[in-house]
Amino acid sequence: MVLCVESYIGRLGGREGVKIEEQILITETGNPQLSRYPLDERLLG
């Protein structure tokens, strides 16, 4: 199973923002992150 965790980052009441999604593979032996794209630290708050 793949679980997608999505966050919206923007100013409260603002008109613009960014959606950040991480994809995680759920298995019996572990939960590796499938997303490999590096995130810009400035977008993470």
PDB file of N, CA and C in Angstrom:
ATOM      1  N   MET A   1       0.850  -1.163   0.000  1.00  0.00           N
ATOM      2  CA  MET A   1       0.000   0.000   0.000  1.00  0.00           C
ATOM      3  C   MET A   1       0.898   1.229   0.000  1.00  0.00           C
ATOM      4  N   VAL A   2       0.464   2.274  -0.683  1.00  0.00           N
ATOM      5  CA  VAL A   2       1.185   3.544  -0.687  1.00  0.00           C
ATOM      6  C   VAL A   2       0.325   4.583   0.012  1.00  0.00           C
ATOM      7  N   LEU A   3       0.929   5.292   0.944  1.00  0.00           N
ATOM      8  CA  LEU A   3       0.259   6.356   1.684  1.00  0.00           C
ATOM      9  C   LEU A   3       0.838   7.686   1.225  1.00  0.00           C
ATOM     10  N   CYS A   4      -0.023   8.626   0.865  1.00  0.00           N
ATOM     11  CA  CYS A   4       0.416   9.962   0.464  1.00  0.00           C
ATOM     12  C   CYS A   4       0.029  10.941   1.564  1.00  0.00           C
ATOM     13  N   VAL A   5       1.021  11.654   2.067  1.00  0.00           N
ATOM     14  CA  VAL A   5       0.805  12.655   3.110  1.00  0.00           C
ATOM     15  C   VAL A   5       1.000  14.013   2.456  1.00  0.00           C
ATOM     16  N   GLU A   6      -0.051  14.832   2.460  1.00  0.00           N
ATOM     17  CA  GLU A   6      -0.004  16.111   1.766  1.00  0.00           C
ATOM     18  C   GLU A   6      -0.237  17.246   2.752  1.00  0.00           C
ATOM     19  N   SER A   7       0.581  18.278   2.629  1.00  0.00           N
ATOM     20  CA  SER A   7       0.454  19.467   3.474  1.00  0.00           C
ATOM     21  C   SER A   7       0.294  20.690   2.587  1.00  0.00           C
ATOM     22  N   TYR A   8      -0.513  21.633   3.026  1.00  0.00           N
ATOM     23  CA  TYR A   8      -0.642  22.916   2.344  1.00  0.00           C
ATOM     24  C   TYR A   8       0.036  23.958   3.207  1.00  0.00           C
ATOM     25  N   ILE A   9       0.939  24.709   2.608  1.00  0.00           N
ATOM     26  CA  ILE A   9       1.664  25.740   3.344  1.00  0.00           C
ATOM     27  C   ILE A   9       1.375  27.077   2.684  1.00  0.00           C
ATOM     28  N   GLY A  10       0.798  27.988   3.450  1.00  0.00           N
ATOM     29  CA  GLY A  10       0.485  29.322   2.954  1.00  0.00           C
ATOM     30  C   GLY A  10       0.062  30.203   4.113  1.00  0.00           C
ATOM     31  N   ARG A  11      -0.078  31.471   3.834  1.00  0.00           N
ATOM     32  CA  ARG A  11      -0.503  32.410   4.877  1.00  0.00           C
ATOM     33  C   ARG A  11      -1.992  32.229   5.158  1.00  0.00           C
ATOM     34  N   LEU A  12      -2.343  32.290   6.433  1.00  0.00           N
ATOM     35  CA  LEU A  12      -3.738  32.183   6.831  1.00  0.00           C
ATOM     36  C   LEU A  12      -4.533  33.308   6.174  1.00  0.00           C
ATOM     37  N   GLY A  13      -5.540  32.962   5.415  1.00  0.00           N
ATOM     38  CA  GLY A  13      -6.346  33.946   4.710  1.00  0.00           C
ATOM     39  C   GLY A  13      -5.724  34.422   3.409  1.00  0.00           C
ATOM     40  N   GLY A  14      -4.540  33.903   3.077  1.00  0.00           N
ATOM     41  CA  GLY A  14      -3.857  34.308   1.851  1.00  0.00           C
ATOM     42  C   GLY A  14      -4.433  33.623   0.624  1.00  0.00           C
ATOM     43  N   ARG A  15      -4.012  34.103  -0.532  1.00  0.00           N
ATOM     44  CA  ARG A  15      -4.523  33.551  -1.786  1.00  0.00           C
ATOM     45  C   ARG A  15      -3.528  32.616  -2.464  1.00  0.00           C
ATOM     46  N   GLU A  16      -2.320  32.511  -1.932  1.00  0.00           N
ATOM     47  CA  GLU A  16      -1.301  31.675  -2.555  1.00  0.00           C
ATOM     48  C   GLU A  16      -0.701  30.734  -1.525  1.00  0.00           C
ATOM     49  N   GLY A  17      -0.199  29.618  -1.995  1.00  0.00           N
ATOM     50  CA  GLY A  17       0.438  28.663  -1.107  1.00  0.00           C
ATOM     51  C   GLY A  17       1.097  27.557  -1.906  1.00  0.00           C
ATOM     52  N   VAL A  18       1.624  26.591  -1.193  1.00  0.00           N
ATOM     53  CA  VAL A  18       2.337  25.473  -1.805  1.00  0.00           C
ATOM     54  C   VAL A  18       1.821  24.178  -1.193  1.00  0.00           C
ATOM     55  N   LYS A  19       1.592  23.173  -2.024  1.00  0.00           N
ATOM     56  CA  LYS A  19       1.251  21.841  -1.518  1.00  0.00           C
ATOM     57  C   LYS A  19       2.500  20.973  -1.594  1.00  0.00           C
ATOM     58  N   ILE A  20       2.805  20.309  -0.494  1.00  0.00           N
ATOM     59  CA  ILE A  20       3.949  19.409  -0.425  1.00  0.00           C
ATOM     60  C   ILE A  20       3.420  18.015  -0.134  1.00  0.00           C
ATOM     61  N   GLU A  21       3.829  17.048  -0.943  1.00  0.00           N
ATOM     62  CA  GLU A  21       3.342  15.676  -0.781  1.00  0.00           C
ATOM     63  C   GLU A  21       4.516  14.717  -0.626  1.00  0.00           C
ATOM     64  N   GLU A  22       4.396  13.820   0.325  1.00  0.00           N
ATOM     65  CA  GLU A  22       5.364  12.748   0.519  1.00  0.00           C
ATOM     66  C   GLU A  22       4.646  11.428   0.285  1.00  0.00           C
ATOM     67  N   GLN A  23       5.267  10.525  -0.450  1.00  0.00           N
ATOM     68  CA  GLN A  23       4.698   9.204  -0.710  1.00  0.00           C
ATOM     69  C   GLN A  23       5.500   8.172   0.074  1.00  0.00           C
ATOM     70  N   ILE A  24       4.789   7.327   0.813  1.00  0.00           N
ATOM     71  CA  ILE A  24       5.420   6.335   1.681  1.00  0.00           C
ATOM     72  C   ILE A  24       4.847   4.963   1.349  1.00  0.00           C
ATOM     73  N   LEU A  25       5.725   3.995   1.124  1.00  0.00           N
ATOM     74  CA  LEU A  25       5.318   2.619   0.856  1.00  0.00           C
ATOM     75  C   LEU A  25       5.162   1.894   2.187  1.00  0.00           C
ATOM     76  N   ILE A  26       3.990   1.320   2.431  1.00  0.00           N
ATOM     77  CA  ILE A  26       3.714   0.605   3.674  1.00  0.00           C
ATOM     78  C   ILE A  26       3.853  -0.898   3.407  1.00  0.00           C
ATOM     79  N   THR A  27       4.807  -1.546   4.088  1.00  0.00           N
ATOM     80  CA  THR A  27       5.014  -2.988   3.940  1.00  0.00           C
ATOM     81  C   THR A  27       5.148  -3.617   5.322  1.00  0.00           C
ATOM     82  N   GLU A  28       5.186  -4.921   5.366  1.00  0.00           N
ATOM     83  CA  GLU A  28       5.356  -5.628   6.639  1.00  0.00           C
ATOM     84  C   GLU A  28       6.762  -5.459   7.199  1.00  0.00           C
ATOM     85  N   THR A  29       7.727  -5.162   6.340  1.00  0.00           N
ATOM     86  CA  THR A  29       9.124  -5.092   6.782  1.00  0.00           C
ATOM     87  C   THR A  29       9.656  -3.677   6.944  1.00  0.00           C
ATOM     88  N   GLY A  30       8.854  -2.672   6.633  1.00  0.00           N
ATOM     89  CA  GLY A  30       9.316  -1.293   6.792  1.00  0.00           C
ATOM     90  C   GLY A  30       8.466  -0.331   5.987  1.00  0.00           C
ATOM     91  N   ASN A  31       8.805   0.943   6.088  1.00  0.00           N
ATOM     92  CA  ASN A  31       8.030   1.998   5.441  1.00  0.00           C
ATOM     93  C   ASN A  31       8.960   2.993   4.742  1.00  0.00           C
ATOM     94  N   PRO A  32       9.538   2.606   3.601  1.00  0.00           N
ATOM     95  CA  PRO A  32      10.452   3.519   2.920  1.00  0.00           C
ATOM     96  C   PRO A  32       9.709   4.678   2.257  1.00  0.00           C
ATOM     97  N   GLN A  33      10.340   5.826   2.269  1.00  0.00           N
ATOM     98  CA  GLN A  33       9.791   7.002   1.603  1.00  0.00           C
ATOM     99  C   GLN A  33      10.081   6.882   0.115  1.00  0.00           C
ATOM    100  N   LEU A  34       9.056   7.024  -0.723  1.00  0.00           N
ATOM    101  CA  LEU A  34       9.219   6.918  -2.167  1.00  0.00           C
ATOM    102  C   LEU A  34       9.589   8.249  -2.796  1.00  0.00           C
ATOM    103  N   SER A  35       9.175   9.353  -2.189  1.00  0.00           N
ATOM    104  CA  SER A  35       9.485  10.680  -2.719  1.00  0.00           C
ATOM    105  C   SER A  35      10.985  10.913  -2.619  1.00  0.00           C
ATOM    106  N   ARG A  36      11.598  11.288  -3.721  1.00  0.00           N
ATOM    107  CA  ARG A  36      13.042  11.498  -3.745  1.00  0.00           C
ATOM    108  C   ARG A  36      13.426  12.944  -4.056  1.00  0.00           C
ATOM    109  N   TYR A  37      12.428  13.778  -4.353  1.00  0.00           N
ATOM    110  CA  TYR A  37      12.715  15.155  -4.741  1.00  0.00           C
ATOM    111  C   TYR A  37      13.080  15.969  -3.503  1.00  0.00           C
ATOM    112  N   PRO A  38      14.213  16.664  -3.516  1.00  0.00           N
ATOM    113  CA  PRO A  38      14.603  17.460  -2.343  1.00  0.00           C
ATOM    114  C   PRO A  38      13.672  18.666  -2.166  1.00  0.00           C
ATOM    115  N   LEU A  39      13.343  18.968  -0.931  1.00  0.00           N
ATOM    116  CA  LEU A  39      12.468  20.102  -0.632  1.00  0.00           C
ATOM    117  C   LEU A  39      13.307  21.313  -0.244  1.00  0.00           C
ATOM    118  N   ASP A  40      12.892  22.483  -0.683  1.00  0.00           N
ATOM    119  CA  ASP A  40      13.563  23.729  -0.328  1.00  0.00           C
ATOM    120  C   ASP A  40      13.209  24.070   1.119  1.00  0.00           C
ATOM    121  N   GLU A  41      14.208  24.215   1.964  1.00  0.00           N
ATOM    122  CA  GLU A  41      13.985  24.487   3.393  1.00  0.00           C
ATOM    123  C   GLU A  41      13.141  25.741   3.609  1.00  0.00           C
ATOM    124  N   ARG A  42      13.213  26.719   2.706  1.00  0.00           N
ATOM    125  CA  ARG A  42      12.431  27.957   2.866  1.00  0.00           C
ATOM    126  C   ARG A  42      10.929  27.692   2.765  1.00  0.00           C
ATOM    127  N   LEU A  43      10.534  26.601   2.110  1.00  0.00           N
ATOM    128  CA  LEU A  43       9.112  26.280   1.957  1.00  0.00           C
ATOM    129  C   LEU A  43       8.557  25.504   3.136  1.00  0.00           C
ATOM    130  N   LEU A  44       9.431  25.015   4.001  1.00  0.00           N
ATOM    131  CA  LEU A  44       8.989  24.152   5.089  1.00  0.00           C
ATOM    132  C   LEU A  44       8.634  24.907   6.356  1.00  0.00           C
ATOM    133  N   GLY A  45       8.790  26.212   6.352  1.00  0.00           N
ATOM    134  CA  GLY A  45       8.405  27.035   7.498  1.00  0.00           C
ATOM    135  C   GLY A  45       9.426  27.029   8.537  1.00  0.00           C
TER     136      GLY A  45
END
